[in-house]
Amino acid sequence: MIDANEDTEWNDVLRKHGILPPKIEVKKQGYQLPQEKKSIEERFQNKSLNELAEFEDEEDEEEFEAYKLKRMRELKEKEKREKFGQILQITAQQFIEEVSNAGPSIWVVLHLFKDGIENSQLVNQRLEQLAQKFPETKFLKIISTDCIPNYPDRNLPTIFVYYENDLKKQFIGLTSLGGNDLTTDDVEWELAKVGAVKTNIKENPIEKRWVEQLEKALSGAYKGQ
């Protein structure tokens, strides 16, 4: 007697010619492994201290207290780092305190500007946006001639980047940052290359625009032929 559900080449031939009915698929009930319990760090990593208190009675007391203390330390460290968040204007008398003595592991971005110079205002706007985005970095601005007597306007805007009182990079003029079409991403990219901010931008935005413009121009030229 032929088993119609048996997997054989002969049965496949008989099914093909309609002698045997199509094979009945029997769904096997899979065995599901019990899910592994997530660690306490994974379960509570994004919780505030107030939110953690709601789970206190549901967790192992010793493990929970150890995690809570660790989380408190992490939040305090984060609060120390994220203490800026805006661009602050300083005077020459404040330079040593705000720049030279900024503290360990603090990046300082200092913009030399002058009122009435359009490019200076553009860079101030871009830095204000970045100061809010990267509160761990200290963003400052100072009138150029207050910082350096007789500093020429043709060098504006100028940006000095310091780390622990060491000048790491200087950008002189708008061209050094990206030119007249300067975007916030352009400045972020340049500061990230120095190490002053940590960016998620994957490719140079200035080069990306150049490539897009070139491709557009070539495409237009090709269509015009």
C-alpha atoms as a PDB file:
ATOM      1  CA  MET A   1       0.000   0.000   0.000  1.00  0.00           C
ATOM      2  CA  ILE A   2       1.318   3.437  -0.959  1.00  0.00           C
ATOM      3  CA  ASP A   3       1.681   6.047   1.754  1.00  0.00           C
ATOM      4  CA  ALA A   4       0.493   9.204  -0.032  1.00  0.00           C
ATOM      5  CA  ASN A   5       2.381  11.445   2.367  1.00  0.00           C
ATOM      6  CA  GLU A   6       5.681   9.608   2.146  1.00  0.00           C
ATOM      7  CA  ASP A   7       8.560  11.595   0.652  1.00  0.00           C
ATOM      8  CA  THR A   8       9.687   9.504  -2.322  1.00  0.00           C
ATOM      9  CA  GLU A   9      10.520  10.334  -5.931  1.00  0.00           C
ATOM     10  CA  TRP A  10       7.797   7.913  -7.081  1.00  0.00           C
ATOM     11  CA  ASN A  11       5.160   9.688  -4.996  1.00  0.00           C
ATOM     12  CA  ASP A  12       6.300  13.009  -6.466  1.00  0.00           C
ATOM     13  CA  VAL A  13       5.754  11.597  -9.990  1.00  0.00           C
ATOM     14  CA  LEU A  14       2.274  10.323  -9.039  1.00  0.00           C
ATOM     15  CA  ARG A  15       1.360  13.715  -7.524  1.00  0.00           C
ATOM     16  CA  LYS A  16       2.588  15.474 -10.649  1.00  0.00           C
ATOM     17  CA  HIS A  17       0.173  13.426 -12.801  1.00  0.00           C
ATOM     18  CA  GLY A  18      -2.724  13.805 -10.378  1.00  0.00           C
ATOM     19  CA  ILE A  19      -2.769  10.169  -9.326  1.00  0.00           C
ATOM     20  CA  LEU A  20      -1.975  11.032  -5.739  1.00  0.00           C
ATOM     21  CA  PRO A  21      -3.478  14.041  -3.947  1.00  0.00           C
ATOM     22  CA  PRO A  22      -1.176  16.900  -2.958  1.00  0.00           C
ATOM     23  CA  LYS A  23       0.908  16.192   0.056  1.00  0.00           C
ATOM     24  CA  ILE A  24      -0.637  17.317   3.320  1.00  0.00           C
ATOM     25  CA  GLU A  25       1.738  19.619   5.158  1.00  0.00           C
ATOM     26  CA  VAL A  26       1.794  18.843   8.839  1.00  0.00           C
ATOM     27  CA  LYS A  27       2.898  21.781  10.888  1.00  0.00           C
ATOM     28  CA  LYS A  28       5.221  20.763  13.635  1.00  0.00           C
ATOM     29  CA  GLN A  29       4.801  22.477  16.924  1.00  0.00           C
ATOM     30  CA  GLY A  30       8.158  23.972  17.641  1.00  0.00           C
ATOM     31  CA  TYR A  31       9.578  23.934  21.101  1.00  0.00           C
ATOM     32  CA  GLN A  32      10.222  27.423  22.366  1.00  0.00           C
ATOM     33  CA  LEU A  33      13.097  27.849  24.714  1.00  0.00           C
ATOM     34  CA  PRO A  34      12.304  29.871  27.775  1.00  0.00           C
ATOM     35  CA  GLN A  35      13.427  33.472  27.305  1.00  0.00           C
ATOM     36  CA  GLU A  36      16.529  34.423  29.202  1.00  0.00           C
ATOM     37  CA  LYS A  37      15.888  37.119  31.761  1.00  0.00           C
ATOM     38  CA  LYS A  38      17.564  40.398  30.890  1.00  0.00           C
ATOM     39  CA  SER A  39      20.198  41.782  33.219  1.00  0.00           C
ATOM     40  CA  ILE A  40      19.259  44.578  35.586  1.00  0.00           C
ATOM     41  CA  GLU A  41      21.352  47.004  33.488  1.00  0.00           C
ATOM     42  CA  GLU A  42      19.418  46.108  30.332  1.00  0.00           C
ATOM     43  CA  ARG A  43      16.039  46.443  32.027  1.00  0.00           C
ATOM     44  CA  PHE A  44      16.656  49.808  33.705  1.00  0.00           C
ATOM     45  CA  GLN A  45      19.382  51.564  31.661  1.00  0.00           C
ATOM     46  CA  ASN A  46      17.110  54.426  30.517  1.00  0.00           C
ATOM     47  CA  LYS A  47      15.221  54.874  33.794  1.00  0.00           C
ATOM     48  CA  SER A  48      15.531  57.937  35.978  1.00  0.00           C
ATOM     49  CA  LEU A  49      16.083  57.570  39.734  1.00  0.00           C
ATOM     50  CA  ASN A  50      12.405  58.331  40.360  1.00  0.00           C
ATOM     51  CA  GLU A  51      11.366  55.651  37.881  1.00  0.00           C
ATOM     52  CA  LEU A  52      13.735  53.142  39.480  1.00  0.00           C
ATOM     53  CA  ALA A  53      12.016  53.586  42.842  1.00  0.00           C
ATOM     54  CA  GLU A  54       8.817  52.113  41.371  1.00  0.00           C
ATOM     55  CA  PHE A  55      10.547  48.738  40.882  1.00  0.00           C
ATOM     56  CA  GLU A  56      12.341  48.567  44.218  1.00  0.00           C
ATOM     57  CA  ASP A  57      10.002  45.952  45.750  1.00  0.00           C
ATOM     58  CA  GLU A  58      10.121  43.706  42.684  1.00  0.00           C
ATOM     59  CA  GLU A  59      13.893  43.162  42.540  1.00  0.00           C
ATOM     60  CA  ASP A  60      16.564  41.468  44.579  1.00  0.00           C
ATOM     61  CA  GLU A  61      17.351  44.054  47.250  1.00  0.00           C
ATOM     62  CA  GLU A  62      21.149  43.728  47.238  1.00  0.00           C
ATOM     63  CA  GLU A  63      21.464  43.697  43.436  1.00  0.00           C
ATOM     64  CA  PHE A  64      18.998  46.557  43.049  1.00  0.00           C
ATOM     65  CA  GLU A  65      20.764  48.797  45.584  1.00  0.00           C
ATOM     66  CA  ALA A  66      24.134  48.178  43.921  1.00  0.00           C
ATOM     67  CA  TYR A  67      22.682  49.100  40.541  1.00  0.00           C
ATOM     68  CA  LYS A  68      20.947  52.195  41.921  1.00  0.00           C
ATOM     69  CA  LEU A  69      24.224  53.502  43.379  1.00  0.00           C
ATOM     70  CA  LYS A  70      25.985  52.869  40.089  1.00  0.00           C
ATOM     71  CA  ARG A  71      23.211  54.675  38.203  1.00  0.00           C
ATOM     72  CA  MET A  72      23.440  57.659  40.565  1.00  0.00           C
ATOM     73  CA  ARG A  73      27.174  57.958  39.868  1.00  0.00           C
ATOM     74  CA  GLU A  74      26.574  57.773  36.117  1.00  0.00           C
ATOM     75  CA  LEU A  75      23.911  60.488  36.214  1.00  0.00           C
ATOM     76  CA  LYS A  76      26.130  62.775  38.304  1.00  0.00           C
ATOM     77  CA  GLU A  77      28.997  62.336  35.839  1.00  0.00           C
ATOM     78  CA  LYS A  78      26.654  63.050  32.945  1.00  0.00           C
ATOM     79  CA  GLU A  79      25.374  66.183  34.686  1.00  0.00           C
ATOM     80  CA  LYS A  80      28.938  67.408  35.179  1.00  0.00           C
ATOM     81  CA  ARG A  81      29.742  66.884  31.502  1.00  0.00           C
ATOM     82  CA  GLU A  82      26.534  68.336  30.096  1.00  0.00           C
ATOM     83  CA  LYS A  83      26.788  71.654  31.876  1.00  0.00           C
ATOM     84  CA  PHE A  84      27.113  74.088  28.976  1.00  0.00           C
ATOM     85  CA  GLY A  85      24.496  74.015  26.209  1.00  0.00           C
ATOM     86  CA  GLN A  86      24.854  77.578  24.878  1.00  0.00           C
ATOM     87  CA  ILE A  87      27.491  79.866  23.431  1.00  0.00           C
ATOM     88  CA  LEU A  88      28.779  82.298  26.051  1.00  0.00           C
ATOM     89  CA  GLN A  89      30.406  85.637  25.206  1.00  0.00           C
ATOM     90  CA  ILE A  90      33.516  86.399  27.250  1.00  0.00           C
ATOM     91  CA  THR A  91      35.921  89.297  27.672  1.00  0.00           C
ATOM     92  CA  ALA A  92      39.710  89.304  27.541  1.00  0.00           C
ATOM     93  CA  GLN A  93      39.782  89.303  31.359  1.00  0.00           C
ATOM     94  CA  GLN A  94      37.770  86.074  31.431  1.00  0.00           C
ATOM     95  CA  PHE A  95      39.968  84.229  28.934  1.00  0.00           C
ATOM     96  CA  ILE A  96      42.210  82.504  31.470  1.00  0.00           C
ATOM     97  CA  GLU A  97      39.310  81.385  33.640  1.00  0.00           C
ATOM     98  CA  GLU A  98      37.059  80.222  30.798  1.00  0.00           C
ATOM     99  CA  VAL A  99      39.641  78.804  28.379  1.00  0.00           C
ATOM    100  CA  SER A 100      42.978  78.135  30.073  1.00  0.00           C
ATOM    101  CA  ASN A 101      41.344  76.847  33.259  1.00  0.00           C
ATOM    102  CA  ALA A 102      38.340  75.167  31.634  1.00  0.00           C
ATOM    103  CA  GLY A 103      39.165  71.941  33.434  1.00  0.00           C
ATOM    104  CA  PRO A 104      40.217  68.379  32.615  1.00  0.00           C
ATOM    105  CA  SER A 105      38.667  66.603  29.619  1.00  0.00           C
ATOM    106  CA  ILE A 106      36.843  69.766  28.469  1.00  0.00           C
ATOM    107  CA  TRP A 107      36.895  70.800  24.825  1.00  0.00           C
ATOM    108  CA  VAL A 108      36.623  74.553  24.255  1.00  0.00           C
ATOM    109  CA  VAL A 109      35.500  76.094  20.962  1.00  0.00           C
ATOM    110  CA  LEU A 110      36.279  79.837  20.893  1.00  0.00           C
ATOM    111  CA  HIS A 111      34.889  82.027  18.119  1.00  0.00           C
ATOM    112  CA  LEU A 112      36.600  85.357  17.403  1.00  0.00           C
ATOM    113  CA  PHE A 113      33.975  87.606  15.833  1.00  0.00           C
ATOM    114  CA  LYS A 114      32.970  91.217  15.317  1.00  0.00           C
ATOM    115  CA  ASP A 115      29.508  92.761  15.096  1.00  0.00           C
ATOM    116  CA  GLY A 116      28.552  93.969  11.644  1.00  0.00           C
ATOM    117  CA  ILE A 117      30.526  91.304   9.820  1.00  0.00           C
ATOM    118  CA  GLU A 118      28.021  89.013   8.128  1.00  0.00           C
ATOM    119  CA  ASN A 119      30.150  85.884   8.136  1.00  0.00           C
ATOM    120  CA  SER A 120      30.755  86.266  11.870  1.00  0.00           C
ATOM    121  CA  GLN A 121      27.019  86.302  12.492  1.00  0.00           C
ATOM    122  CA  LEU A 122      26.570  83.211  10.317  1.00  0.00           C
ATOM    123  CA  VAL A 123      29.152  81.247  12.310  1.00  0.00           C
ATOM    124  CA  ASN A 124      27.640  82.451  15.604  1.00  0.00           C
ATOM    125  CA  GLN A 125      24.302  80.997  14.490  1.00  0.00           C
ATOM    126  CA  ARG A 126      25.874  77.667  13.565  1.00  0.00           C
ATOM    127  CA  LEU A 127      27.789  77.444  16.842  1.00  0.00           C
ATOM    128  CA  GLU A 128      24.684  78.287  18.869  1.00  0.00           C
ATOM    129  CA  GLN A 129      22.955  75.272  17.341  1.00  0.00           C
ATOM    130  CA  LEU A 130      25.944  73.039  18.028  1.00  0.00           C
ATOM    131  CA  ALA A 131      26.241  74.298  21.612  1.00  0.00           C
ATOM    132  CA  GLN A 132      22.708  73.040  22.260  1.00  0.00           C
ATOM    133  CA  LYS A 133      23.399  69.750  20.512  1.00  0.00           C
ATOM    134  CA  PHE A 134      26.708  69.089  22.303  1.00  0.00           C
ATOM    135  CA  PRO A 135      26.382  70.393  25.901  1.00  0.00           C
ATOM    136  CA  GLU A 136      29.570  68.558  26.911  1.00  0.00           C
ATOM    137  CA  THR A 137      31.627  70.951  24.777  1.00  0.00           C
ATOM    138  CA  LYS A 138      32.221  74.510  25.904  1.00  0.00           C
ATOM    139  CA  PHE A 139      31.327  77.031  23.192  1.00  0.00           C
ATOM    140  CA  LEU A 140      32.548  80.614  23.654  1.00  0.00           C
ATOM    141  CA  LYS A 141      32.742  83.776  21.600  1.00  0.00           C
ATOM    142  CA  ILE A 142      34.828  86.900  22.024  1.00  0.00           C
ATOM    143  CA  ILE A 143      35.209  90.143  20.064  1.00  0.00           C
ATOM    144  CA  SER A 144      38.282  89.584  17.921  1.00  0.00           C
ATOM    145  CA  THR A 145      40.198  92.740  18.901  1.00  0.00           C
ATOM    146  CA  ASP A 146      39.479  92.137  22.587  1.00  0.00           C
ATOM    147  CA  CYS A 147      41.147  88.764  22.295  1.00  0.00           C
ATOM    148  CA  ILE A 148      43.997  89.804  19.991  1.00  0.00           C
ATOM    149  CA  PRO A 149      44.667  93.553  19.617  1.00  0.00           C
ATOM    150  CA  ASN A 150      44.536  94.761  15.994  1.00  0.00           C
ATOM    151  CA  TYR A 151      43.362  91.362  14.761  1.00  0.00           C
ATOM    152  CA  PRO A 152      42.494  91.909  11.064  1.00  0.00           C
ATOM    153  CA  ASP A 153      38.842  91.692  10.036  1.00  0.00           C
ATOM    154  CA  ARG A 154      39.854  89.785   6.889  1.00  0.00           C
ATOM    155  CA  ASN A 155      40.638  86.774   9.106  1.00  0.00           C
ATOM    156  CA  LEU A 156      37.098  86.637  10.479  1.00  0.00           C
ATOM    157  CA  PRO A 157      35.462  84.428  11.351  1.00  0.00           C
ATOM    158  CA  THR A 158      38.194  82.662  13.308  1.00  0.00           C
ATOM    159  CA  ILE A 159      37.710  79.638  15.527  1.00  0.00           C
ATOM    160  CA  PHE A 160      40.253  78.310  18.021  1.00  0.00           C
ATOM    161  CA  VAL A 161      39.740  74.815  19.444  1.00  0.00           C
ATOM    162  CA  TYR A 162      41.370  74.019  22.794  1.00  0.00           C
ATOM    163  CA  TYR A 163      41.674  70.900  24.891  1.00  0.00           C
ATOM    164  CA  GLU A 164      43.106  71.231  28.394  1.00  0.00           C
ATOM    165  CA  ASN A 165      44.689  74.607  27.512  1.00  0.00           C
ATOM    166  CA  ASP A 166      46.326  73.178  24.382  1.00  0.00           C
ATOM    167  CA  LEU A 167      45.415  74.766  21.031  1.00  0.00           C
ATOM    168  CA  LYS A 168      44.403  71.807  18.870  1.00  0.00           C
ATOM    169  CA  LYS A 169      43.096  73.539  15.748  1.00  0.00           C
ATOM    170  CA  GLN A 170      42.447  76.967  14.285  1.00  0.00           C
ATOM    171  CA  PHE A 171      40.076  77.860  11.471  1.00  0.00           C
ATOM    172  CA  ILE A 172      40.885  81.183   9.783  1.00  0.00           C
ATOM    173  CA  GLY A 173      38.199  82.626   7.527  1.00  0.00           C
ATOM    174  CA  LEU A 174      34.927  81.159   6.298  1.00  0.00           C
ATOM    175  CA  THR A 175      36.609  79.113   3.555  1.00  0.00           C
ATOM    176  CA  SER A 176      38.414  76.989   6.149  1.00  0.00           C
ATOM    177  CA  LEU A 177      35.028  75.884   7.483  1.00  0.00           C
ATOM    178  CA  GLY A 178      33.171  75.340   4.224  1.00  0.00           C
ATOM    179  CA  GLY A 179      32.599  78.637   2.433  1.00  0.00           C
ATOM    180  CA  ASN A 180      29.567  80.839   1.876  1.00  0.00           C
ATOM    181  CA  ASP A 181      27.097  77.936   1.894  1.00  0.00           C
ATOM    182  CA  LEU A 182      28.225  76.954   5.408  1.00  0.00           C
ATOM    183  CA  THR A 183      25.784  74.672   7.217  1.00  0.00           C
ATOM    184  CA  THR A 184      25.672  73.482  10.805  1.00  0.00           C
ATOM    185  CA  ASP A 185      26.649  70.006   9.598  1.00  0.00           C
ATOM    186  CA  ASP A 186      29.759  71.468   7.941  1.00  0.00           C
ATOM    187  CA  VAL A 187      30.962  72.977  11.214  1.00  0.00           C
ATOM    188  CA  GLU A 188      30.021  69.846  13.164  1.00  0.00           C
ATOM    189  CA  TRP A 189      32.054  67.719  10.754  1.00  0.00           C
ATOM    190  CA  GLU A 190      35.148  69.920  11.085  1.00  0.00           C
ATOM    191  CA  LEU A 191      34.924  70.017  14.893  1.00  0.00           C
ATOM    192  CA  ALA A 192      34.423  66.249  14.999  1.00  0.00           C
ATOM    193  CA  LYS A 193      37.613  65.705  12.989  1.00  0.00           C
ATOM    194  CA  VAL A 194      39.508  67.542  15.734  1.00  0.00           C
ATOM    195  CA  GLY A 195      37.699  65.614  18.489  1.00  0.00           C
ATOM    196  CA  ALA A 196      35.748  68.518  19.995  1.00  0.00           C
ATOM    197  CA  VAL A 197      32.369  66.824  19.363  1.00  0.00           C
ATOM    198  CA  LYS A 198      31.180  63.293  18.625  1.00  0.00           C
ATOM    199  CA  THR A 199      29.170  63.237  15.428  1.00  0.00           C
ATOM    200  CA  ASN A 200      26.914  60.695  13.736  1.00  0.00           C
ATOM    201  CA  ILE A 201      27.574  62.235  10.319  1.00  0.00           C
ATOM    202  CA  LYS A 202      29.183  59.523   8.188  1.00  0.00           C
ATOM    203  CA  GLU A 203      30.611  61.509   5.272  1.00  0.00           C
ATOM    204  CA  ASN A 204      31.968  64.982   4.663  1.00  0.00           C
ATOM    205  CA  PRO A 205      28.864  67.113   3.959  1.00  0.00           C
ATOM    206  CA  ILE A 206      30.851  69.626   1.893  1.00  0.00           C
ATOM    207  CA  GLU A 207      32.259  66.937  -0.411  1.00  0.00           C
ATOM    208  CA  LYS A 208      28.820  65.346  -0.593  1.00  0.00           C
ATOM    209  CA  ARG A 209      27.330  68.643  -1.875  1.00  0.00           C
ATOM    210  CA  TRP A 210      30.122  69.005  -4.422  1.00  0.00           C
ATOM    211  CA  VAL A 211      29.485  65.509  -5.755  1.00  0.00           C
ATOM    212  CA  GLU A 212      25.720  66.122  -5.933  1.00  0.00           C
ATOM    213  CA  GLN A 213      26.248  69.425  -7.758  1.00  0.00           C
ATOM    214  CA  LEU A 214      28.699  67.789 -10.170  1.00  0.00           C
ATOM    215  CA  GLU A 215      26.335  64.918 -10.879  1.00  0.00           C
ATOM    216  CA  LYS A 216      23.495  67.392 -11.454  1.00  0.00           C
ATOM    217  CA  ALA A 217      25.624  69.465 -13.828  1.00  0.00           C
ATOM    218  CA  LEU A 218      26.765  66.401 -15.773  1.00  0.00           C
ATOM    219  CA  SER A 219      23.194  65.122 -15.927  1.00  0.00           C
ATOM    220  CA  GLY A 220      22.002  68.462 -17.311  1.00  0.00           C
ATOM    221  CA  ALA A 221      24.788  68.540 -19.877  1.00  0.00           C
ATOM    222  CA  TYR A 222      23.957  64.996 -20.991  1.00  0.00           C
ATOM    223  CA  LYS A 223      20.260  65.783 -21.406  1.00  0.00           C
ATOM    224  CA  GLY A 224      21.115  68.876 -23.429  1.00  0.00           C
ATOM    225  CA  GLN A 225      22.971  66.855 -26.046  1.00  0.00           C
END
